[in-house]
Amino acid sequence: MRVFVIAGEPSGDKLGGALMAGLRQLRPDVQFDGVGGVMMQAQGLNSRFLMDELSVMGIAEVLPKYRHLKRRIAQTAQAVIDSNPDVLITIDSPDFSLRVAKLIKQSSDIRCVHYVAPTVWAWRPKRAAKMAKMIDHVLALFPFEPPYMEAEGMDCDFVGHPVAAEPVASKDEKAAFRAKYGLEKAAPLLLVLPGSRKGEVTRLAKVLGDALEKILAKHPDMRVVVPAAGPVAELVEQETKEWPIVPIVLDPRGRELDEVMAEKRAAFAAADFAIAVSGTVALELAAAHTPMVSAYDLNWLSRVVIKRMVKIDTGNLINLVSDTRHVPEFIGEECRSDLISEGLEKLILNPQPQLDAMADTMNQLGQDGEDPGLRAARAVLARMPILKSEP
């Protein structure tokens, strides 16, 4: 069985790695081609180019790289057509993935599966109808999404989220992490997650540093840990030098993936609270039972355009899945140091409602059930026609 798989950012790489592991378990003969990061490469993918080239978010952020991305779209689509796999699986990054799928459908009958349903319930509802022209099957992360896709004629399966099946650090691992970095047991530990894209880190580093100054005025013994994504680790180290506290930066560069992931899990579990950008990291914090406040901002042009298109009042996954609003969010114009610090202070005083929402979210996403990567792989295979690569 031959599978061409494409991911464009770290969260997609995580989904892709879990899916590929599931496919390998169910079909040991599977062969992979495509584009992905370290987690997909660990499952046997030889990425055709660096996934980091596609990790761009926001209208103004994409424009300077538009020509290069357009070339990559054409090159990738042609590579899929030339290799003629049994299935193409695109993972999130719709601005890239769906353009590739569109070119493929114009000149072939290659089956196209898209992993992560578009958030049509949040904004741009017509995307599902447009997507149906090039996508045969959708793998949904959340239980409320399949009806939106099926209404437009696509197959869709809710497969859960891989975060729900990931291991969580034990008490011993948490204690070992604190001991390694000299973190006193009584001192509060704050996790700060400034993002995995260069634009995110650049925009958010100063406002997060200013928020920390206000937080430390009330909690002078607080310690700060910053788990850095590999592509932005150097930038994180540079930006955090201006902060009012020297944080412990967890740098993954030059280390084994298993070691990096284990330390990240320990950091998440050892932390008392977190300030994090929007995205999948909210689910990782929920799995670790670490209360959070969410902060995010875009380039001003992207902010103005997207604000007019959004249909919902929250972008945090905990709030959405649990249908609560217990995770404070400071987005766009409200991404200010004073509001972030005030939000964290309120959370410190009463974290229980959010912890309850986190537990409900993880339950809905399949925690303690079958591995979502395996469920996704099973869903792909169940709807496949006769494979081209089989006699």
Protein backbone atom coordinates (compact mmCIF):
# COMPACT_ATOMS: atom_id res chain seq x y z
CA MET A 1 0.00 0.00 0.00
CA ARG A 2 1.40 3.39 -1.02
CA VAL A 3 0.38 6.56 0.81
CA PHE A 4 1.36 10.13 -0.04
CA VAL A 5 0.94 12.26 3.08
CA ILE A 6 1.35 16.02 3.57
CA ALA A 7 1.53 18.10 6.76
CA GLY A 8 2.47 21.76 6.96
CA GLU A 9 2.98 22.57 10.64
CA PRO A 10 3.93 20.93 13.97
CA SER A 11 0.35 20.13 15.01
CA GLY A 12 -0.24 18.44 11.65
CA ASP A 13 3.04 16.58 12.00
CA LYS A 14 1.81 15.16 15.31
CA LEU A 15 -1.45 14.03 13.72
CA GLY A 16 0.43 12.59 10.78
CA GLY A 17 2.84 10.66 12.97
CA ALA A 18 -0.02 9.05 14.90
CA LEU A 19 -1.92 8.20 11.71
CA MET A 20 1.16 6.72 10.07
CA ALA A 21 1.84 4.59 13.15
CA GLY A 22 -1.74 3.33 12.93
CA LEU A 23 -1.41 2.50 9.24
CA ARG A 24 1.85 0.66 9.87
CA GLN A 25 0.12 -1.41 12.56
CA LEU A 26 -2.82 -2.32 10.32
CA ARG A 27 -0.87 -2.56 7.05
CA PRO A 28 2.78 -3.50 7.66
CA ASP A 29 3.40 -3.26 3.91
CA VAL A 30 2.57 0.47 3.80
CA GLN A 31 5.04 2.81 2.08
CA PHE A 32 5.05 6.56 2.68
CA ASP A 33 5.99 9.54 0.55
CA GLY A 34 5.30 13.23 1.04
CA VAL A 35 6.07 16.20 3.29
CA GLY A 36 6.22 16.23 7.08
CA GLY A 37 8.23 16.95 10.20
CA VAL A 38 10.15 14.96 12.77
CA MET A 39 7.23 12.87 14.01
CA MET A 40 6.24 11.75 10.54
CA GLN A 41 9.86 11.15 9.63
CA ALA A 42 10.14 8.93 12.71
CA GLN A 43 7.44 6.76 11.12
CA GLY A 44 9.41 6.30 7.91
CA LEU A 45 8.72 9.42 5.84
CA ASN A 46 11.56 10.93 3.83
CA SER A 47 10.18 14.46 3.49
CA ARG A 48 10.54 15.94 0.01
CA PHE A 49 11.34 19.35 1.52
CA LEU A 50 11.36 20.97 4.95
CA MET A 51 7.89 21.21 6.44
CA ASP A 52 8.91 24.56 7.99
CA GLU A 53 8.48 26.18 4.57
CA LEU A 54 4.72 25.75 4.94
CA SER A 55 4.38 26.93 8.58
CA VAL A 56 2.90 30.32 7.76
CA MET A 57 -0.35 31.67 9.21
CA GLY A 58 -2.29 34.83 8.45
CA ILE A 59 -3.00 36.82 5.30
CA ALA A 60 -0.20 39.35 5.64
CA GLU A 61 2.25 36.62 6.68
CA VAL A 62 1.55 34.54 3.55
CA LEU A 63 1.84 37.34 1.00
CA PRO A 64 5.67 37.66 1.01
CA LYS A 65 5.99 33.90 0.48
CA TYR A 66 3.14 33.55 -1.99
CA ARG A 67 5.21 32.81 -5.10
CA HIS A 68 7.36 30.25 -3.32
CA LEU A 69 4.31 28.53 -1.83
CA LYS A 70 2.63 28.49 -5.24
CA ARG A 71 5.67 26.72 -6.72
CA ARG A 72 5.65 24.21 -3.88
CA ILE A 73 1.95 23.54 -4.46
CA ALA A 74 2.57 22.77 -8.15
CA GLN A 75 5.66 20.66 -7.40
CA THR A 76 3.90 18.66 -4.72
CA ALA A 77 0.80 18.03 -6.83
CA GLN A 78 2.94 16.81 -9.72
CA ALA A 79 4.89 14.53 -7.38
CA VAL A 80 1.62 12.96 -6.23
CA ILE A 81 0.37 12.50 -9.80
CA ASP A 82 3.69 10.99 -10.89
CA SER A 83 3.84 8.55 -7.98
CA ASN A 84 0.13 7.61 -8.34
CA PRO A 85 -0.37 6.45 -4.72
CA ASP A 86 -3.33 4.47 -3.43
CA VAL A 87 -4.35 7.52 -1.43
CA LEU A 88 -3.29 11.08 -0.75
CA ILE A 89 -3.75 12.20 2.86
CA THR A 90 -3.45 15.93 3.49
CA ILE A 91 -3.30 17.09 7.10
CA ASP A 92 -4.65 20.49 8.11
CA SER A 93 -2.87 23.50 6.45
CA PRO A 94 -5.84 23.86 4.08
CA ASP A 95 -4.46 26.80 2.12
CA PHE A 96 -1.66 24.52 0.92
CA SER A 97 -3.24 21.07 1.16
CA LEU A 98 -6.49 21.77 -0.64
CA ARG A 99 -4.75 23.58 -3.48
CA VAL A 100 -2.60 20.50 -3.99
CA ALA A 101 -5.68 18.27 -3.92
CA LYS A 102 -7.46 20.51 -6.43
CA LEU A 103 -4.64 20.18 -8.95
CA ILE A 104 -4.59 16.43 -8.46
CA LYS A 105 -8.33 16.03 -9.03
CA GLN A 106 -8.09 18.04 -12.26
CA SER A 107 -5.94 15.38 -13.88
CA SER A 108 -6.34 12.13 -11.93
CA ASP A 109 -8.72 9.98 -9.91
CA ILE A 110 -6.40 9.64 -6.93
CA ARG A 111 -8.41 9.31 -3.72
CA CYS A 112 -7.97 12.35 -1.46
CA VAL A 113 -8.43 12.24 2.31
CA HIS A 114 -8.18 15.37 4.44
CA TYR A 115 -7.34 15.01 8.12
CA VAL A 116 -8.90 17.78 10.27
CA ALA A 117 -12.28 19.09 9.21
CA PRO A 118 -12.30 22.80 8.37
CA THR A 119 -13.80 24.91 11.13
CA VAL A 120 -16.88 25.82 9.11
CA TRP A 121 -18.79 26.07 12.39
CA ALA A 122 -16.46 28.95 13.30
CA TRP A 123 -15.96 30.89 10.09
CA ARG A 124 -16.22 30.68 6.28
CA PRO A 125 -18.99 28.04 6.20
CA LYS A 126 -18.85 27.74 2.39
CA ARG A 127 -15.44 26.07 2.67
CA ALA A 128 -17.06 22.65 3.09
CA ALA A 129 -18.85 22.90 -0.28
CA LYS A 130 -15.65 24.04 -2.01
CA MET A 131 -13.66 21.31 -0.30
CA ALA A 132 -16.07 18.63 -1.51
CA LYS A 133 -14.90 19.25 -5.09
CA MET A 134 -11.46 17.80 -4.33
CA ILE A 135 -11.80 15.76 -1.11
CA ASP A 136 -13.44 12.33 -0.88
CA HIS A 137 -13.11 11.62 2.83
CA VAL A 138 -12.59 13.77 5.95
CA LEU A 139 -11.16 12.66 9.30
CA ALA A 140 -12.65 14.86 12.04
CA LEU A 141 -11.04 15.59 15.39
CA PHE A 142 -14.22 16.62 17.15
CA PRO A 143 -17.54 14.77 17.55
CA PHE A 144 -19.74 17.64 16.34
CA GLU A 145 -18.03 17.99 12.93
CA PRO A 146 -19.16 15.06 10.69
CA PRO A 147 -22.66 16.44 9.90
CA TYR A 148 -21.13 19.59 8.40
CA MET A 149 -18.99 17.52 6.01
CA GLU A 150 -21.62 14.89 5.18
CA ALA A 151 -24.10 17.63 4.25
CA GLU A 152 -21.78 18.51 1.35
CA GLY A 153 -21.44 14.92 0.13
CA MET A 154 -18.12 13.92 1.69
CA ASP A 155 -17.53 10.83 3.81
CA CYS A 156 -16.55 11.88 7.33
CA ASP A 157 -15.48 9.97 10.43
CA PHE A 158 -14.90 11.33 13.93
CA VAL A 159 -11.62 9.74 15.00
CA GLY A 160 -10.77 11.65 18.16
CA HIS A 161 -7.61 13.62 18.85
CA PRO A 162 -4.18 11.98 19.31
CA VAL A 163 -3.50 14.20 22.32
CA ALA A 164 -6.18 12.23 24.19
CA ALA A 165 -4.11 9.06 23.86
CA GLU A 166 -0.67 10.45 24.60
CA PRO A 167 1.10 9.45 27.82
CA VAL A 168 1.07 11.86 30.75
CA ALA A 169 4.05 12.32 33.05
CA SER A 170 4.01 10.39 36.30
CA LYS A 171 4.56 11.91 39.74
CA ASP A 172 8.14 10.65 39.68
CA GLU A 173 8.76 12.23 36.27
CA LYS A 174 7.32 15.52 37.50
CA ALA A 175 9.53 15.41 40.60
CA ALA A 176 12.58 14.54 38.49
CA PHE A 177 11.91 17.50 36.18
CA ARG A 178 11.68 19.92 39.10
CA ALA A 179 14.83 18.49 40.66
CA LYS A 180 16.76 18.69 37.37
CA TYR A 181 16.12 22.41 37.03
CA GLY A 182 16.25 23.32 40.72
CA LEU A 183 12.58 24.17 40.98
CA GLU A 184 11.60 24.34 44.63
CA LYS A 185 8.49 22.38 45.47
CA ALA A 186 6.75 25.33 47.10
CA ALA A 187 7.50 27.86 44.36
CA PRO A 188 4.73 28.25 41.74
CA LEU A 189 5.77 27.12 38.27
CA LEU A 190 4.40 28.91 35.21
CA LEU A 191 4.62 27.44 31.73
CA VAL A 192 4.83 29.99 28.91
CA LEU A 193 4.21 28.77 25.36
CA PRO A 194 4.81 31.54 22.80
CA GLY A 195 4.06 29.45 19.68
CA SER A 196 5.80 27.29 17.11
CA ARG A 197 5.94 29.81 14.25
CA LYS A 198 8.44 32.65 13.95
CA GLY A 199 5.69 35.22 13.45
CA GLU A 200 3.92 34.11 16.62
CA VAL A 201 7.04 34.28 18.75
CA THR A 202 8.05 37.67 17.36
CA ARG A 203 4.62 39.22 17.92
CA LEU A 204 3.92 37.69 21.33
CA ALA A 205 7.30 37.67 23.11
CA LYS A 206 7.19 41.29 24.29
CA VAL A 207 3.57 41.26 25.48
CA LEU A 208 4.22 38.02 27.35
CA GLY A 209 7.35 39.50 28.93
CA ASP A 210 5.40 42.57 30.03
CA ALA A 211 2.68 40.33 31.47
CA LEU A 212 5.31 38.40 33.41
CA GLU A 213 6.58 41.62 34.96
CA LYS A 214 3.11 42.28 36.38
CA ILE A 215 2.66 38.65 37.49
CA LEU A 216 6.04 38.56 39.25
CA ALA A 217 5.15 41.70 41.20
CA LYS A 218 2.51 39.59 43.00
CA HIS A 219 4.36 36.27 42.88
CA PRO A 220 8.08 37.09 43.18
CA ASP A 221 9.03 33.46 43.81
CA MET A 222 7.38 32.21 40.61
CA ARG A 223 9.59 30.31 38.17
CA VAL A 224 9.05 30.22 34.40
CA VAL A 225 9.63 27.39 31.91
CA VAL A 226 9.39 27.87 28.14
CA PRO A 227 9.27 24.69 26.02
CA ALA A 228 10.56 25.82 22.60
CA ALA A 229 9.66 24.23 19.27
CA GLY A 230 12.75 23.26 17.27
CA PRO A 231 12.27 25.69 14.35
CA VAL A 232 11.99 28.69 16.70
CA ALA A 233 14.24 27.63 19.59
CA GLU A 234 16.98 30.14 18.76
CA LEU A 235 14.44 32.94 18.33
CA VAL A 236 12.82 32.06 21.66
CA GLU A 237 16.19 32.26 23.41
CA GLN A 238 16.82 35.69 21.88
CA GLU A 239 13.38 37.13 22.61
CA THR A 240 13.22 35.91 26.21
CA LYS A 241 16.48 37.70 27.09
CA GLU A 242 14.39 40.86 27.44
CA TRP A 243 12.00 39.29 29.96
CA PRO A 244 12.07 40.37 33.63
CA ILE A 245 12.95 36.82 34.66
CA VAL A 246 15.43 34.39 33.14
CA PRO A 247 13.22 31.49 32.05
CA ILE A 248 14.24 27.88 31.70
CA VAL A 249 14.10 27.36 27.93
CA LEU A 250 13.69 23.73 26.92
CA ASP A 251 15.65 23.52 23.68
CA PRO A 252 14.94 20.39 21.58
CA ARG A 253 17.76 20.91 19.09
CA GLY A 254 20.29 18.10 18.85
CA ARG A 255 18.32 15.77 21.12
CA GLU A 256 16.43 12.54 20.53
CA LEU A 257 12.72 12.99 19.87
CA ASP A 258 11.64 10.58 22.65
CA GLU A 259 13.76 12.49 25.18
CA VAL A 260 12.35 15.83 24.04
CA MET A 261 8.74 14.65 24.23
CA ALA A 262 9.23 13.08 27.66
CA GLU A 263 10.71 16.29 29.05
CA LYS A 264 7.91 18.36 27.51
CA ARG A 265 5.28 16.11 29.10
CA ALA A 266 7.05 16.41 32.45
CA ALA A 267 7.14 20.21 32.14
CA PHE A 268 3.44 20.37 31.29
CA ALA A 269 2.53 18.17 34.25
CA ALA A 270 4.91 19.85 36.70
CA ALA A 271 3.59 23.35 35.94
CA ASP A 272 0.92 24.88 38.14
CA PHE A 273 -0.43 27.21 35.45
CA ALA A 274 0.27 28.17 31.83
CA ILE A 275 0.05 31.05 29.38
CA ALA A 276 -0.27 29.62 25.89
CA VAL A 277 -1.07 30.60 22.34
CA SER A 278 -4.26 29.25 20.82
CA GLY A 279 -4.22 25.82 19.19
CA THR A 280 -3.59 22.17 19.95
CA VAL A 281 -1.45 23.05 22.96
CA ALA A 282 -4.70 23.68 24.87
CA LEU A 283 -5.46 19.95 24.62
CA GLU A 284 -1.95 19.03 25.76
CA LEU A 285 -2.43 21.19 28.82
CA ALA A 286 -5.84 19.63 29.44
CA ALA A 287 -4.30 16.16 29.33
CA ALA A 288 -1.75 17.31 31.93
CA HIS A 289 -4.44 18.99 34.08
CA THR A 290 -2.63 22.32 33.89
CA PRO A 291 -4.95 25.37 33.93
CA MET A 292 -4.21 28.00 31.30
CA VAL A 293 -4.96 31.42 29.91
CA SER A 294 -4.83 31.84 26.16
CA ALA A 295 -3.24 34.74 24.29
CA TYR A 296 -2.87 35.30 20.57
CA ASP A 297 -2.46 38.04 18.01
CA LEU A 298 -2.00 38.30 14.26
CA ASN A 299 -0.59 40.89 11.93
CA TRP A 300 -2.97 43.88 12.00
CA LEU A 301 -4.30 43.20 8.48
CA SER A 302 -5.01 39.54 9.22
CA ARG A 303 -6.64 40.58 12.49
CA VAL A 304 -9.03 43.01 10.79
CA VAL A 305 -10.04 40.63 7.99
CA ILE A 306 -10.45 37.51 10.12
CA LYS A 307 -12.37 39.34 12.85
CA ARG A 308 -15.11 40.14 10.33
CA MET A 309 -15.38 36.50 9.27
CA VAL A 310 -15.44 34.69 12.62
CA LYS A 311 -18.83 33.27 13.72
CA ILE A 312 -17.98 32.14 17.27
CA ASP A 313 -16.94 33.88 20.47
CA THR A 314 -14.04 31.57 21.38
CA GLY A 315 -11.14 29.91 19.62
CA ASN A 316 -9.95 27.80 22.52
CA LEU A 317 -10.49 24.07 22.03
CA ILE A 318 -11.33 23.45 25.69
CA ASN A 319 -14.07 26.05 25.56
CA LEU A 320 -15.42 24.68 22.29
CA VAL A 321 -15.51 20.97 23.10
CA SER A 322 -16.80 21.40 26.66
CA ASP A 323 -19.22 24.15 25.55
CA THR A 324 -18.02 26.36 28.39
CA ARG A 325 -15.97 29.53 28.55
CA HIS A 326 -13.70 28.71 31.49
CA VAL A 327 -10.42 29.31 29.62
CA PRO A 328 -9.75 33.09 29.57
CA GLU A 329 -8.77 34.32 26.10
CA PHE A 330 -6.95 37.49 25.15
CA ILE A 331 -7.04 37.70 21.37
CA GLY A 332 -6.26 40.52 18.94
CA GLU A 333 -6.85 43.92 20.53
CA GLU A 334 -7.23 42.23 23.93
CA CYS A 335 -3.82 40.57 23.71
CA ARG A 336 -2.44 42.98 26.28
CA SER A 337 -0.10 42.40 29.17
CA ASP A 338 -2.43 43.90 31.78
CA LEU A 339 -5.38 41.74 30.72
CA ILE A 340 -3.25 38.58 30.51
CA SER A 341 -1.80 39.10 33.99
CA GLU A 342 -5.24 39.86 35.46
CA GLY A 343 -6.68 36.77 33.79
CA LEU A 344 -3.95 34.55 35.20
CA GLU A 345 -4.44 36.00 38.68
CA LYS A 346 -8.17 35.18 38.60
CA LEU A 347 -7.36 31.67 37.40
CA ILE A 348 -4.89 31.14 40.24
CA LEU A 349 -7.64 32.03 42.72
CA ASN A 350 -10.19 29.60 41.22
CA PRO A 351 -8.89 26.96 38.76
CA GLN A 352 -11.49 24.23 39.44
CA PRO A 353 -14.14 25.19 36.83
CA GLN A 354 -11.49 25.06 34.12
CA LEU A 355 -10.10 21.77 35.38
CA ASP A 356 -13.60 20.29 35.17
CA ALA A 357 -13.97 21.56 31.59
CA MET A 358 -10.59 20.05 30.70
CA ALA A 359 -11.64 16.65 32.08
CA ASP A 360 -14.89 16.76 30.09
CA THR A 361 -13.00 17.69 26.92
CA MET A 362 -10.55 14.81 27.20
CA ASN A 363 -13.39 12.38 27.85
CA GLN A 364 -15.22 13.53 24.71
CA LEU A 365 -12.06 13.24 22.61
CA GLY A 366 -11.56 9.58 23.52
CA GLN A 367 -9.15 9.55 26.44
CA ASP A 368 -8.69 5.96 27.70
CA GLY A 369 -10.23 4.66 24.45
CA GLU A 370 -8.62 3.33 21.27
CA ASP A 371 -5.67 5.39 20.04
CA PRO A 372 -7.04 8.12 17.72
CA GLY A 373 -4.19 7.55 15.27
CA LEU A 374 -5.25 3.93 14.97
CA ARG A 375 -8.90 4.97 14.65
CA ALA A 376 -7.94 7.37 11.87
CA ALA A 377 -5.97 4.66 10.07
CA ARG A 378 -8.87 2.24 10.41
CA ALA A 379 -11.26 4.84 8.98
CA VAL A 380 -8.99 5.46 5.98
CA LEU A 381 -8.74 1.76 5.20
CA ALA A 382 -12.44 1.05 5.75
CA ARG A 383 -13.49 3.47 3.01
CA MET A 384 -10.73 2.59 0.54
CA PRO A 385 -11.54 0.97 -2.80
CA ILE A 386 -9.31 -1.82 -4.16
CA LEU A 387 -5.72 -0.70 -3.78
CA LYS A 388 -3.74 0.11 -6.92
CA SER A 389 -0.59 -1.33 -5.40
CA GLU A 390 -2.15 -4.77 -4.88
CA PRO A 391 -2.51 -7.39 -7.62
